[in-house]
Protein backbone atom coordinates (compact mmCIF):
# COMPACT_ATOMS: atom_id res chain seq x y z
CA MET A 1 -36.82 37.93 -53.03
CA LYS A 2 -40.31 38.02 -51.67
CA LYS A 3 -41.66 36.48 -55.24
CA ALA A 4 -39.15 33.70 -54.78
CA PHE A 5 -40.45 32.68 -51.39
CA ILE A 6 -44.00 32.78 -52.65
CA GLN A 7 -42.98 30.79 -55.54
CA LEU A 8 -41.19 28.13 -53.17
CA HIS A 9 -44.27 27.89 -50.76
CA ILE A 10 -46.60 27.35 -53.96
CA ALA A 11 -44.51 24.53 -54.82
CA VAL A 12 -44.43 22.81 -51.56
CA PHE A 13 -48.07 23.41 -51.26
CA LEU A 14 -48.37 21.73 -54.51
CA ALA A 15 -46.29 18.78 -53.57
CA GLY A 16 -48.34 18.42 -50.53
CA ILE A 17 -51.46 17.94 -52.52
CA THR A 18 -50.42 14.98 -54.39
CA GLY A 19 -51.43 12.53 -51.95
CA ILE A 20 -55.14 14.04 -52.00
CA LEU A 21 -54.93 13.86 -55.91
CA GLY A 22 -53.98 9.94 -55.35
CA LYS A 23 -56.93 9.27 -53.29
CA LEU A 24 -59.36 11.15 -55.65
CA ILE A 25 -57.83 9.03 -58.75
CA THR A 26 -59.89 5.94 -58.92
CA LEU A 27 -56.93 4.12 -61.08
CA ASN A 28 -54.87 1.57 -59.39
CA GLU A 29 -51.52 3.05 -58.28
CA GLY A 30 -49.37 1.26 -61.06
CA LEU A 31 -51.76 2.60 -63.71
CA LEU A 32 -51.89 6.15 -61.74
CA VAL A 33 -48.05 6.58 -61.94
CA TRP A 34 -47.94 5.29 -65.52
CA TYR A 35 -50.42 7.98 -66.76
CA ARG A 36 -48.73 10.76 -64.75
CA LEU A 37 -45.28 10.00 -66.26
CA LEU A 38 -46.83 9.61 -69.57
CA ILE A 39 -48.38 13.39 -69.21
CA THR A 40 -45.41 14.80 -67.50
CA ALA A 41 -42.81 13.23 -69.89
CA ILE A 42 -44.45 14.33 -72.95
CA THR A 43 -45.20 17.77 -71.60
CA LEU A 44 -41.53 18.08 -70.50
CA TRP A 45 -40.14 17.03 -73.94
CA ILE A 46 -42.50 19.80 -75.76
CA ILE A 47 -40.97 22.36 -73.43
CA GLU A 48 -37.49 21.42 -74.12
CA ALA A 49 -38.25 21.42 -77.89
CA PHE A 50 -39.48 25.05 -77.56
CA ARG A 51 -36.40 26.06 -75.01
CA LYS A 52 -34.20 24.79 -78.10
CA LYS A 53 -31.54 23.97 -75.72
CA ASN A 54 -29.05 21.28 -76.20
CA ASN A 55 -29.96 18.41 -73.54
CA LYS A 56 -28.14 15.50 -75.44
CA ILE A 57 -26.00 13.43 -73.14
CA SER A 58 -23.90 10.20 -73.68
CA ALA A 59 -25.67 6.85 -73.57
CA LYS A 60 -23.92 5.80 -70.36
CA ASP A 61 -24.94 9.09 -68.69
CA ALA A 62 -28.73 8.48 -70.00
CA LEU A 63 -28.72 4.72 -68.51
CA LYS A 64 -27.89 6.05 -65.17
CA ILE A 65 -30.52 8.61 -65.20
CA PHE A 66 -33.05 5.79 -66.45
CA GLY A 67 -31.93 3.84 -63.73
CA VAL A 68 -32.83 6.52 -61.19
CA GLY A 69 -35.90 7.40 -62.96
CA ALA A 70 -36.98 3.62 -62.46
CA VAL A 71 -36.53 4.20 -58.68
CA ALA A 72 -38.34 7.24 -58.66
CA ALA A 73 -41.13 5.44 -60.44
CA THR A 74 -41.29 2.69 -58.01
CA HIS A 75 -41.22 5.16 -55.06
CA TRP A 76 -44.28 6.99 -56.40
CA VAL A 77 -46.14 3.30 -57.15
CA THR A 78 -45.64 2.50 -53.70
CA PHE A 79 -46.53 5.87 -52.18
CA TYR A 80 -49.85 5.70 -53.98
CA GLY A 81 -50.28 2.29 -53.17
CA SER A 82 -49.79 3.26 -49.31
CA ILE A 83 -52.63 5.63 -50.00
CA LYS A 84 -54.91 2.84 -51.37
CA TYR A 85 -54.27 0.46 -48.71
CA ALA A 86 -54.37 2.88 -45.89
CA ASN A 87 -54.99 6.57 -46.42
CA VAL A 88 -53.36 9.95 -47.30
CA SER A 89 -52.32 10.67 -43.71
CA ILE A 90 -50.82 7.54 -43.30
CA ALA A 91 -48.76 7.62 -46.29
CA LEU A 92 -47.50 11.30 -45.55
CA VAL A 93 -46.37 10.12 -41.97
CA CYS A 94 -44.66 7.09 -43.56
CA PHE A 95 -42.96 9.71 -46.22
CA SER A 96 -41.54 11.62 -43.06
CA ALA A 97 -39.13 8.47 -42.52
CA VAL A 98 -36.99 9.52 -45.56
CA GLY A 99 -34.89 11.72 -43.11
CA PHE A 100 -34.00 8.32 -41.25
CA PHE A 101 -33.04 6.33 -44.52
CA THR A 102 -31.23 9.43 -45.85
CA ALA A 103 -29.03 9.64 -42.55
CA ILE A 104 -27.98 5.75 -42.97
CA LEU A 105 -27.61 5.56 -46.65
CA GLU A 106 -26.32 8.74 -47.85
CA PRO A 107 -22.96 8.23 -45.60
CA LEU A 108 -22.73 4.66 -46.91
CA ILE A 109 -22.94 5.34 -50.56
CA PHE A 110 -20.37 8.56 -50.27
CA ARG A 111 -18.35 6.94 -47.81
CA LYS A 112 -18.59 9.61 -45.04
CA LYS A 113 -19.25 9.42 -41.29
CA ILE A 114 -22.98 8.96 -40.27
CA ASN A 115 -24.31 12.24 -38.68
CA MET A 116 -25.73 11.01 -35.23
CA ARG A 117 -28.06 14.01 -34.79
CA GLU A 118 -29.61 13.30 -38.15
CA LEU A 119 -29.94 9.75 -37.29
CA LEU A 120 -31.34 10.16 -33.83
CA LEU A 121 -34.07 12.83 -35.59
CA GLY A 122 -34.88 10.03 -37.95
CA LEU A 123 -35.21 7.50 -35.26
CA LEU A 124 -37.84 9.70 -33.61
CA VAL A 125 -39.71 9.80 -36.83
CA ILE A 126 -39.58 5.82 -36.40
CA ILE A 127 -40.87 5.89 -33.13
CA GLY A 128 -43.76 8.15 -34.23
CA ILE A 129 -44.84 5.79 -36.96
CA TYR A 130 -44.44 2.70 -34.29
CA PHE A 131 -46.98 4.41 -32.13
CA ILE A 132 -49.41 4.55 -35.27
CA PHE A 133 -48.66 1.15 -36.29
CA HIS A 134 -49.12 -0.19 -32.65
CA PHE A 135 -52.12 1.57 -31.78
CA ASP A 136 -54.12 0.87 -35.34
CA PRO A 137 -52.93 -2.39 -36.84
CA GLY A 138 -55.42 -1.87 -39.50
CA TYR A 139 -53.14 0.00 -41.37
CA LYS A 140 -50.42 -2.12 -41.23
CA THR A 141 -50.10 -3.01 -45.00
CA GLY A 142 -50.21 0.81 -45.93
CA ILE A 143 -47.54 1.50 -43.48
CA ILE A 144 -45.28 -1.27 -44.70
CA ILE A 145 -45.85 -0.17 -48.12
CA GLY A 146 -45.13 3.57 -47.28
CA LEU A 147 -41.84 2.74 -45.60
CA ILE A 148 -40.66 1.22 -48.65
CA SER A 149 -41.77 4.30 -50.59
CA ALA A 150 -39.68 6.35 -48.03
CA LEU A 151 -36.75 4.15 -48.34
CA LEU A 152 -36.88 4.65 -52.21
CA ALA A 153 -37.53 8.62 -51.87
CA SER A 154 -34.10 8.72 -49.95
CA VAL A 155 -32.28 6.87 -52.62
CA PHE A 156 -32.89 8.70 -55.92
CA PRO A 157 -32.01 12.08 -54.53
CA ILE A 158 -28.56 10.76 -53.37
CA PHE A 159 -28.13 9.70 -56.87
CA ASN A 160 -29.25 12.77 -58.26
CA LYS A 161 -26.68 14.72 -56.52
CA ILE A 162 -24.01 12.77 -58.26
CA LEU A 163 -25.72 13.29 -61.92
CA LEU A 164 -26.36 17.17 -61.23
CA GLN A 165 -22.63 17.48 -60.75
CA LYS A 166 -22.07 17.17 -64.64
CA ILE A 167 -25.69 17.38 -66.06
CA SER A 168 -28.30 20.46 -65.63
CA PRO A 169 -31.53 19.66 -63.55
CA GLU A 170 -33.85 20.17 -66.72
CA THR A 171 -32.01 17.56 -68.74
CA VAL A 172 -31.77 15.13 -65.59
CA THR A 173 -35.41 15.73 -64.86
CA VAL A 174 -36.77 15.16 -68.53
CA TYR A 175 -34.40 11.81 -68.94
CA GLU A 176 -35.27 10.63 -65.39
CA LEU A 177 -38.88 10.91 -65.92
CA SER A 178 -38.73 9.25 -69.37
CA GLY A 179 -36.82 6.65 -67.99
CA GLY A 180 -39.35 6.13 -65.29
CA PHE A 181 -42.19 5.92 -67.85
CA LEU A 182 -40.30 3.20 -69.94
CA PHE A 183 -39.56 1.11 -66.89
CA LEU A 184 -43.11 1.36 -65.82
CA THR A 185 -44.24 0.35 -69.24
CA LEU A 186 -42.11 -2.76 -69.28
CA MET A 187 -43.31 -3.65 -65.46
CA LEU A 188 -47.11 -2.80 -65.83
CA PRO A 189 -48.22 -6.08 -67.57
CA PHE A 190 -46.60 -8.12 -64.66
CA TYR A 191 -47.99 -5.80 -62.12
CA LEU A 192 -51.46 -5.78 -63.27
CA LYS A 193 -51.18 -9.70 -63.38
CA LEU A 194 -50.29 -9.65 -59.70
CA SER A 195 -52.73 -6.82 -58.97
CA PRO A 196 -55.48 -6.68 -61.34
CA ALA A 197 -57.25 -3.32 -61.98
CA GLN A 198 -60.99 -3.05 -62.39
CA TYR A 199 -60.16 -0.78 -65.24
CA ILE A 200 -57.42 0.59 -67.54
CA PHE A 201 -58.46 3.80 -69.12
CA PRO A 202 -59.18 6.66 -66.52
CA THR A 203 -62.69 8.11 -66.16
CA PRO A 204 -63.36 11.92 -67.26
CA ASN A 205 -62.85 12.87 -63.64
CA ASP A 206 -59.52 10.66 -63.20
CA TRP A 207 -58.29 12.48 -66.44
CA PHE A 208 -58.93 16.17 -64.82
CA TRP A 209 -57.24 15.15 -61.65
CA LEU A 210 -54.29 13.42 -63.63
CA LEU A 211 -53.61 16.71 -65.31
CA ILE A 212 -53.72 18.72 -62.20
CA LEU A 213 -51.23 16.15 -60.65
CA SER A 214 -48.98 15.95 -63.79
CA TRP A 215 -48.93 19.69 -64.84
CA LEU A 216 -49.56 21.75 -61.74
CA CYS A 217 -47.85 19.13 -59.18
CA THR A 218 -45.23 18.01 -61.39
CA VAL A 219 -44.23 20.46 -64.18
CA VAL A 220 -45.10 23.75 -62.77
CA ALA A 221 -43.92 22.67 -59.16
CA PHE A 222 -40.58 22.06 -60.54
CA ASN A 223 -40.54 25.24 -62.63
CA LEU A 224 -41.40 27.23 -59.38
CA SER A 225 -38.64 25.51 -57.27
CA MET A 226 -35.95 26.16 -60.08
CA ASN A 227 -36.99 29.94 -60.30
CA ALA A 228 -36.91 30.21 -56.33
CA LEU A 229 -33.47 28.62 -56.15
CA LYS A 230 -32.19 31.44 -58.53
CA LYS A 231 -32.86 33.98 -55.31
CA ILE A 232 -32.91 31.74 -52.49
CA SER A 233 -30.35 29.36 -51.10
CA ALA A 234 -30.75 25.43 -51.65
CA PHE A 235 -30.56 25.22 -47.95
CA THR A 236 -33.83 27.29 -47.43
CA VAL A 237 -35.53 25.28 -50.31
CA ASN A 238 -34.76 22.02 -48.63
CA LEU A 239 -35.41 23.50 -45.28
CA THR A 240 -39.04 24.55 -46.66
CA TYR A 241 -39.85 21.25 -48.15
CA ASN A 242 -39.77 19.54 -44.72
CA LEU A 243 -43.27 20.88 -44.46
CA GLU A 244 -44.64 18.87 -47.20
CA PRO A 245 -46.16 16.09 -44.93
CA VAL A 246 -47.36 18.84 -42.65
CA TYR A 247 -49.32 20.46 -45.38
CA GLY A 248 -50.52 17.25 -46.90
CA ILE A 249 -51.91 16.03 -43.80
CA LEU A 250 -53.59 19.12 -42.84
CA LEU A 251 -55.21 19.14 -46.41
CA ALA A 252 -56.17 15.62 -45.92
CA PHE A 253 -58.10 16.66 -42.71
CA ILE A 254 -59.86 19.32 -44.29
CA VAL A 255 -60.58 17.99 -47.63
CA LEU A 256 -61.19 14.33 -47.02
CA LYS A 257 -62.05 14.48 -43.44
CA GLU A 258 -59.45 11.89 -42.55
CA ASN A 259 -59.29 12.99 -38.80
CA LYS A 260 -62.58 11.26 -38.35
CA TYR A 261 -60.99 7.88 -39.07
CA LEU A 262 -57.78 8.32 -37.02
CA ASN A 263 -57.38 7.34 -33.35
CA ASN A 264 -55.37 8.78 -30.47
CA GLY A 265 -52.13 6.67 -31.71
CA PHE A 266 -52.09 8.81 -34.79
CA TYR A 267 -52.00 11.90 -33.09
CA ILE A 268 -49.32 10.81 -30.80
CA GLY A 269 -47.12 9.59 -33.47
CA PHE A 270 -47.81 12.73 -35.67
CA ALA A 271 -46.84 15.00 -32.70
CA LEU A 272 -43.54 13.09 -32.37
CA ILE A 273 -42.96 13.56 -35.97
CA ILE A 274 -43.64 17.39 -35.91
CA PHE A 275 -41.33 17.68 -32.98
CA ALA A 276 -38.76 15.89 -34.91
CA ILE A 277 -39.33 18.19 -38.06
CA VAL A 278 -39.13 21.38 -35.91
CA LEU A 279 -35.91 20.13 -34.30
CA GLN A 280 -34.36 19.22 -37.48
CA MET A 281 -35.30 22.78 -39.10
CA ILE A 282 -33.87 24.57 -35.72
CA SER A 283 -30.85 22.30 -36.08
CA LEU A 284 -30.00 23.16 -39.81
CA TYR A 285 -30.86 26.80 -39.14
CA ASN A 286 -28.11 26.80 -36.29
CA THR A 287 -25.63 24.93 -38.61
CA ARG A 288 -26.21 27.49 -41.39
CA LYS A 289 -25.82 30.42 -39.10
CA LYS A 290 -22.48 29.28 -37.84
CA SER A 291 -20.97 28.67 -41.37
CA ILE A 292 -21.88 32.00 -42.41
CA SER A 293 -20.54 33.83 -39.21
């Protein structure tokens, strides 16, 4: 059990550093995600070949997964776009709005009643983002792109729930990332026409960070989460992942010294978001405790 908890927190930490890597990689956001998906998809298909497991699925299911992969790829592009137009801290603060969008979209898609508690906690996060937006309008573009990223991030896990009812997580991940890569390959020429890049090929430093991003923060993090799920409940895993934006922002302060460029509005907004995350964790814990007793 102790080993599983360590694996889980390493996975969350690796997820938290993706924002910093997005800042260190000098490619524009579209190319950054394209190379990340290229490396990750190739790596996962090699791993699947060695596992020798039957991961064949119907053409209909493959198209569904590819569609979700396209949403995931667009989420990543907008997430790194938010970083490029603002900074890591702003992008991760906006990522915290996922809970608000999920509280609205999940009941609509599954046709169930809206959980007012989740909605109110999500609104608290939105108020925190508003404080940052209001006090520092210089980050306006980055915040808008970041909120679009959060909206997309709330959509693809909802559809993944449906897919995972009959397809294994490993198969969904391989096909999803491959679908995201194919979608972005088709869209990239149009994207580069709208947002021209200074250069297309990564520098040696870019390659180093891309490999860290693809292998450690995607492949390894996924496998660690899967291994942790064998010993720890899905509830505990989801609860722990609430810490991802917190880890990422603290690391941005330490590594990139972003705290020097943020005003009081950011800290007021960030405090509200931390408060919302704490309330959500307490709420989930109490709900879990009642269901067990």
